[in-house]
Structure formats: C-alpha cells, structure tokens
Amino acid sequence: QLHLAILEKNELSNSLGMVQKELQEKESEMMREISEYQDKLHQAEKDHQAVLTEVNQKNKVEIQACQDKMNSLEHFVSSQKMEIERLKSNKEELNNFLKEANQTLGELQKTKVR
C-alpha cells in the first residue's frame, strides 16, 4: 500500500509538473501575444496621429487659402463700392452740367427768337 501511495504520489507530482510547465508555456505565449498587441496598438496610434497631423495641416492650408480669398473678395467689393460712389458723383455732376447746358440753350433760343 505504501508502495502504491508512493507511485501515486510520483504520478501526481509528474502530472503537477507537466501542468505547471503547460501553464508556464501558456503564460509565456499570452505575454508574447500581449506584447505583440501592445506594439500593434502603439503603431496604430502613431499612424493615427500622423494622419491627424497631416489632415490638420491640410485644413490649415485650406483655411488660410479661404481667408486669403475672402480678404481679396472683400477688397474687391470695397473697391467696387468706391467705384460706384465715384460714378454716382460723376453722374450727378454730368446731370447738373446737362441741366445748366439745357438752361443756357433755352436762353440762347429765346434770345435768337427775339
């Protein structure tokens, strides 16, 4: 009986050793996989940040281009408003001149008729 118990103990010790070895191997494999996933995650974060930086830079360039275009258009509108005001003033002067010329013409015609 003692012999059987010793044999059973040895078998159980061997089984325990094999189970412990298996667990260590699985733990090592899991640690390796975790490390791989962490590396992949880190690389994905770097890639994402690079894309984000590139998109932000493109947006800044586009925004600046739009602001430049808007400033140019505002300047154009301002110059057009000034031109309209100048033309209105010229029209008013020409209308006044035409009115005076018509009055003078009327007076000359009256003088000529007499």
C-alpha atoms as a PDB file:
ATOM      1  CA  GLN A   1       0.000   0.000   0.000  1.00  0.00           C
ATOM      2  CA  LEU A   2       2.864   2.322   0.834  1.00  0.00           C
ATOM      3  CA  HIS A   3       4.426   1.447  -2.475  1.00  0.00           C
ATOM      4  CA  LEU A   4       1.168   2.224  -4.309  1.00  0.00           C
ATOM      5  CA  ALA A   5       0.844   5.511  -2.446  1.00  0.00           C
ATOM      6  CA  ILE A   6       4.409   6.440  -3.388  1.00  0.00           C
ATOM      7  CA  LEU A   7       3.728   5.525  -7.018  1.00  0.00           C
ATOM      8  CA  GLU A   8       0.516   7.573  -6.985  1.00  0.00           C
ATOM      9  CA  LYS A   9       2.386  10.463  -5.351  1.00  0.00           C
ATOM     10  CA  ASN A  10       5.070  10.280  -8.047  1.00  0.00           C
ATOM     11  CA  GLU A  11       2.444  10.193 -10.798  1.00  0.00           C
ATOM     12  CA  LEU A  12       0.646  13.154  -9.234  1.00  0.00           C
ATOM     13  CA  SER A  13       3.955  15.024  -8.895  1.00  0.00           C
ATOM     14  CA  ASN A  14       4.750  14.305 -12.543  1.00  0.00           C
ATOM     15  CA  SER A  15       1.246  15.416 -13.576  1.00  0.00           C
ATOM     16  CA  LEU A  16       1.592  18.542 -11.446  1.00  0.00           C
ATOM     17  CA  GLY A  17       4.959  19.266 -13.022  1.00  0.00           C
ATOM     18  CA  MET A  18       3.524  18.844 -16.518  1.00  0.00           C
ATOM     19  CA  VAL A  19       0.531  21.059 -15.682  1.00  0.00           C
ATOM     20  CA  GLN A  20       2.848  23.711 -14.229  1.00  0.00           C
ATOM     21  CA  LYS A  21       5.044  23.508 -17.324  1.00  0.00           C
ATOM     22  CA  GLU A  22       1.970  23.853 -19.568  1.00  0.00           C
ATOM     23  CA  LEU A  23       0.761  26.830 -17.538  1.00  0.00           C
ATOM     24  CA  GLN A  24       4.168  28.493 -17.798  1.00  0.00           C
ATOM     25  CA  GLU A  25       4.214  27.919 -21.562  1.00  0.00           C
ATOM     26  CA  LYS A  26       0.692  29.338 -21.898  1.00  0.00           C
ATOM     27  CA  GLU A  27       1.622  32.292 -19.714  1.00  0.00           C
ATOM     28  CA  SER A  28       4.704  32.948 -21.866  1.00  0.00           C
ATOM     29  CA  GLU A  29       2.601  32.705 -25.032  1.00  0.00           C
ATOM     30  CA  MET A  30      -0.006  35.061 -23.601  1.00  0.00           C
ATOM     31  CA  MET A  31       2.678  37.544 -22.536  1.00  0.00           C
ATOM     32  CA  ARG A  32       4.152  37.379 -26.048  1.00  0.00           C
ATOM     33  CA  GLU A  33       0.725  37.978 -27.611  1.00  0.00           C
ATOM     34  CA  ILE A  34       0.031  40.864 -25.222  1.00  0.00           C
ATOM     35  CA  SER A  35       3.355  42.393 -26.182  1.00  0.00           C
ATOM     36  CA  GLU A  36       2.534  41.984 -29.894  1.00  0.00           C
ATOM     37  CA  TYR A  37      -0.898  43.575 -29.428  1.00  0.00           C
ATOM     38  CA  GLN A  38       0.625  46.449 -27.469  1.00  0.00           C
ATOM     39  CA  ASP A  39       3.144  47.001 -30.270  1.00  0.00           C
ATOM     40  CA  LYS A  40       0.346  46.940 -32.860  1.00  0.00           C
ATOM     41  CA  LEU A  41      -1.723  49.338 -30.766  1.00  0.00           C
ATOM     42  CA  HIS A  42       1.237  51.687 -30.371  1.00  0.00           C
ATOM     43  CA  GLN A  43       1.884  51.585 -34.126  1.00  0.00           C
ATOM     44  CA  ALA A  44      -1.804  52.204 -34.877  1.00  0.00           C
ATOM     45  CA  GLU A  45      -1.781  55.185 -32.507  1.00  0.00           C
ATOM     46  CA  LYS A  46       1.344  56.563 -34.219  1.00  0.00           C
ATOM     47  CA  ASP A  47      -0.242  56.070 -37.653  1.00  0.00           C
ATOM     48  CA  HIS A  48      -3.460  57.710 -36.477  1.00  0.00           C
ATOM     49  CA  GLN A  49      -1.535  60.677 -35.061  1.00  0.00           C
ATOM     50  CA  ALA A  50       0.412  61.036 -38.316  1.00  0.00           C
ATOM     51  CA  VAL A  51      -2.810  61.059 -40.353  1.00  0.00           C
ATOM     52  CA  LEU A  52      -4.395  63.501 -37.915  1.00  0.00           C
ATOM     53  CA  THR A  53      -1.386  65.815 -38.155  1.00  0.00           C
ATOM     54  CA  GLU A  54      -1.452  65.645 -41.950  1.00  0.00           C
ATOM     55  CA  VAL A  55      -5.190  66.355 -42.100  1.00  0.00           C
ATOM     56  CA  ASN A  56      -4.811  69.259 -39.656  1.00  0.00           C
ATOM     57  CA  GLN A  57      -2.011  70.722 -41.778  1.00  0.00           C
ATOM     58  CA  LYS A  58      -4.088  70.401 -44.951  1.00  0.00           C
ATOM     59  CA  ASN A  59      -7.037  72.036 -43.173  1.00  0.00           C
ATOM     60  CA  LYS A  60      -4.832  74.911 -42.009  1.00  0.00           C
ATOM     61  CA  VAL A  61      -3.620  75.448 -45.580  1.00  0.00           C
ATOM     62  CA  GLU A  62      -7.182  75.336 -46.921  1.00  0.00           C
ATOM     63  CA  ILE A  63      -8.411  77.707 -44.215  1.00  0.00           C
ATOM     64  CA  GLN A  64      -5.593  80.127 -44.995  1.00  0.00           C
ATOM     65  CA  ALA A  65      -6.388  79.939 -48.714  1.00  0.00           C
ATOM     66  CA  CYS A  66     -10.067  80.627 -47.981  1.00  0.00           C
ATOM     67  CA  GLN A  67      -9.179  83.538 -45.708  1.00  0.00           C
ATOM     68  CA  ASP A  68      -6.884  84.969 -48.379  1.00  0.00           C
ATOM     69  CA  LYS A  69      -9.621  84.607 -50.995  1.00  0.00           C
ATOM     70  CA  MET A  70     -12.172  86.186 -48.656  1.00  0.00           C
ATOM     71  CA  ASN A  71      -9.825  89.108 -47.955  1.00  0.00           C
ATOM     72  CA  SER A  72      -9.264  89.536 -51.682  1.00  0.00           C
ATOM     73  CA  LEU A  73     -13.014  89.495 -52.336  1.00  0.00           C
ATOM     74  CA  GLU A  74     -13.622  91.988 -49.525  1.00  0.00           C
ATOM     75  CA  HIS A  75     -11.005  94.281 -51.038  1.00  0.00           C
ATOM     76  CA  PHE A  76     -12.607  93.872 -54.478  1.00  0.00           C
ATOM     77  CA  VAL A  77     -16.091  94.626 -53.083  1.00  0.00           C
ATOM     78  CA  SER A  78     -14.722  97.671 -51.286  1.00  0.00           C
ATOM     79  CA  SER A  79     -13.056  98.973 -54.442  1.00  0.00           C
ATOM     80  CA  GLN A  80     -16.248  98.333 -56.421  1.00  0.00           C
ATOM     81  CA  LYS A  81     -18.272 100.291 -53.854  1.00  0.00           C
ATOM     82  CA  MET A  82     -15.815 103.172 -54.158  1.00  0.00           C
ATOM     83  CA  GLU A  83     -16.081 102.997 -57.958  1.00  0.00           C
ATOM     84  CA  ILE A  84     -19.902 103.042 -57.727  1.00  0.00           C
ATOM     85  CA  GLU A  85     -19.754 106.111 -55.482  1.00  0.00           C
ATOM     86  CA  ARG A  86     -17.357 107.814 -57.908  1.00  0.00           C
ATOM     87  CA  LEU A  87     -19.643 107.007 -60.839  1.00  0.00           C
ATOM     88  CA  LYS A  88     -22.696 108.301 -58.944  1.00  0.00           C
ATOM     89  CA  SER A  89     -20.846 111.537 -58.229  1.00  0.00           C
ATOM     90  CA  ASN A  90     -19.817 111.850 -61.882  1.00  0.00           C
ATOM     91  CA  LYS A  91     -23.396 111.161 -62.970  1.00  0.00           C
ATOM     92  CA  GLU A  92     -24.649 113.872 -60.627  1.00  0.00           C
ATOM     93  CA  GLU A  93     -22.067 116.321 -61.972  1.00  0.00           C
ATOM     94  CA  LEU A  94     -22.971 115.438 -65.553  1.00  0.00           C
ATOM     95  CA  ASN A  95     -26.693 115.817 -64.801  1.00  0.00           C
ATOM     96  CA  ASN A  96     -26.034 119.238 -63.281  1.00  0.00           C
ATOM     97  CA  PHE A  97     -23.901 120.213 -66.263  1.00  0.00           C
ATOM     98  CA  LEU A  98     -26.603 118.956 -68.648  1.00  0.00           C
ATOM     99  CA  LYS A  99     -29.260 120.923 -66.755  1.00  0.00           C
ATOM    100  CA  GLU A 100     -27.132 124.079 -66.987  1.00  0.00           C
ATOM    101  CA  ALA A 101     -26.437 123.442 -70.659  1.00  0.00           C
ATOM    102  CA  ASN A 102     -30.161 122.990 -71.335  1.00  0.00           C
ATOM    103  CA  GLN A 103     -30.936 126.214 -69.468  1.00  0.00           C
ATOM    104  CA  THR A 104     -28.267 128.052 -71.435  1.00  0.00           C
ATOM    105  CA  LEU A 105     -29.572 126.555 -74.655  1.00  0.00           C
ATOM    106  CA  GLY A 106     -33.101 127.613 -73.743  1.00  0.00           C
ATOM    107  CA  GLU A 107     -31.943 131.139 -73.009  1.00  0.00           C
ATOM    108  CA  LEU A 108     -29.978 131.252 -76.289  1.00  0.00           C
ATOM    109  CA  GLN A 109     -33.010 130.056 -78.213  1.00  0.00           C
ATOM    110  CA  LYS A 110     -35.154 132.718 -76.575  1.00  0.00           C
ATOM    111  CA  THR A 111     -32.549 135.349 -77.440  1.00  0.00           C
ATOM    112  CA  LYS A 112     -32.320 134.092 -81.005  1.00  0.00           C
ATOM    113  CA  VAL A 113     -36.114 134.114 -81.395  1.00  0.00           C
ATOM    114  CA  ARG A 114     -36.333 137.777 -80.302  1.00  0.00           C
END
